[in-house]
């Protein structure tokens, strides 16, 4: 995981990567009014749309495909998120 974190920081900048050791991480662990707590490995966001090209993040997106089958979320989301990621990868291969 440390290698992935370092790669993401290099690609998009430290200010856009939140890890469990950071104080602001805890704000991202609550899902909704159910108070379900998730513990994401890494939280990444961009300052503006299009800031990072898909080519740069594609390896990370592809790595998510098998992980989505293990997600703790409603089945309809779990079933569709993998399809969505595959579509994104396919559309950006051209």
Protein backbone atom coordinates (compact mmCIF):
# COMPACT_ATOMS: atom_id res chain seq x y z
CA UNK A 1 0.00 0.00 0.00
CA UNK A 2 2.88 2.36 0.76
CA UNK A 3 4.07 2.10 -2.85
CA UNK A 4 0.60 3.03 -4.13
CA UNK A 5 0.40 5.99 -1.75
CA UNK A 6 3.81 7.27 -2.85
CA UNK A 7 2.84 6.87 -6.51
CA UNK A 8 -0.40 8.78 -6.03
CA UNK A 9 1.36 11.58 -4.17
CA UNK A 10 3.90 11.84 -6.99
CA UNK A 11 1.16 11.89 -9.64
CA UNK A 12 -1.36 14.30 -8.12
CA UNK A 13 0.31 15.90 -5.12
CA UNK A 14 0.33 15.31 -1.38
CA UNK A 15 -2.49 17.80 -0.76
CA UNK A 16 -4.92 15.55 -2.69
CA UNK A 17 -4.13 12.25 -0.95
CA UNK A 18 -5.57 11.41 2.47
CA UNK A 19 -4.34 8.36 4.38
CA UNK A 20 -5.45 6.76 7.67
CA UNK A 21 -2.66 8.46 9.60
CA UNK A 22 -4.01 11.94 8.84
CA UNK A 23 -6.53 13.73 11.09
CA UNK A 24 -8.88 14.61 8.21
CA UNK A 25 -9.14 10.91 7.25
CA UNK A 26 -11.79 10.34 9.93
CA UNK A 27 -14.21 12.73 8.23
CA UNK A 28 -14.35 10.25 5.33
CA UNK A 29 -15.10 7.16 7.42
CA UNK A 30 -18.81 7.84 7.94
CA UNK A 31 -21.13 6.73 5.18
CA UNK A 32 -24.53 8.24 5.91
CA UNK A 33 -27.20 8.55 8.58
CA UNK A 34 -26.83 4.83 9.42
CA UNK A 35 -23.50 5.69 11.04
CA UNK A 36 -21.88 2.84 9.12
CA UNK A 37 -18.14 3.40 9.27
CA UNK A 38 -15.92 2.48 6.40
CA UNK A 39 -12.15 2.47 6.48
CA UNK A 40 -10.85 3.31 3.01
CA UNK A 41 -7.20 2.51 2.39
CA UNK A 42 -6.65 5.82 0.62
CA UNK A 43 -8.81 8.83 -0.20
CA UNK A 44 -7.89 10.72 -3.35
CA UNK A 45 -9.49 13.77 -4.89
CA UNK A 46 -8.55 16.25 -7.56
CA UNK A 47 -8.73 20.03 -7.30
CA UNK A 48 -10.45 20.32 -10.66
CA UNK A 49 -12.04 18.07 -13.25
CA UNK A 50 -9.49 16.92 -15.80
CA UNK A 51 -6.56 17.67 -13.54
CA UNK A 52 -5.22 14.13 -13.92
CA UNK A 53 -5.41 12.27 -17.21
CA UNK A 54 -7.06 8.87 -17.19
CA UNK A 55 -3.90 7.31 -18.58
CA UNK A 56 -2.11 8.20 -15.36
CA UNK A 57 -4.71 6.69 -13.02
CA UNK A 58 -5.72 3.75 -15.23
CA UNK A 59 -3.54 1.18 -13.37
CA UNK A 60 -5.21 2.16 -10.09
CA UNK A 61 -8.69 1.98 -11.60
CA UNK A 62 -8.00 -1.45 -13.09
CA UNK A 63 -6.75 -2.65 -9.72
CA UNK A 64 -10.12 -1.70 -8.23
CA UNK A 65 -12.12 -4.10 -10.44
CA UNK A 66 -11.57 -7.25 -8.33
CA UNK A 67 -11.75 -5.25 -5.11
CA UNK A 68 -15.28 -4.06 -5.89
CA UNK A 69 -16.54 -7.63 -5.58
CA UNK A 70 -15.51 -7.50 -1.90
CA UNK A 71 -17.16 -4.14 -1.12
CA UNK A 72 -19.46 -3.90 1.84
CA UNK A 73 -22.39 -2.14 0.20
CA UNK A 74 -25.84 -2.94 -1.22
CA UNK A 75 -25.74 -5.71 -3.85
CA UNK A 76 -27.11 -3.49 -6.63
CA UNK A 77 -24.17 -1.11 -6.20
CA UNK A 78 -21.65 -3.93 -5.94
CA UNK A 79 -23.00 -5.53 -9.12
CA UNK A 80 -22.91 -2.31 -11.10
CA UNK A 81 -19.70 -0.65 -9.93
CA UNK A 82 -17.49 -3.29 -11.55
CA UNK A 83 -19.36 -2.84 -14.83
CA UNK A 84 -18.95 0.93 -14.56
CA UNK A 85 -15.21 0.68 -13.96
CA UNK A 86 -14.80 -1.74 -16.88
CA UNK A 87 -16.76 0.65 -19.11
CA UNK A 88 -14.57 3.58 -18.05
CA UNK A 89 -11.42 1.60 -18.81
CA UNK A 90 -12.78 0.41 -22.17
CA UNK A 91 -13.92 3.90 -23.21
CA UNK A 92 -10.55 5.38 -22.35
CA UNK A 93 -8.55 2.79 -24.27
CA UNK A 94 -9.37 4.43 -27.56
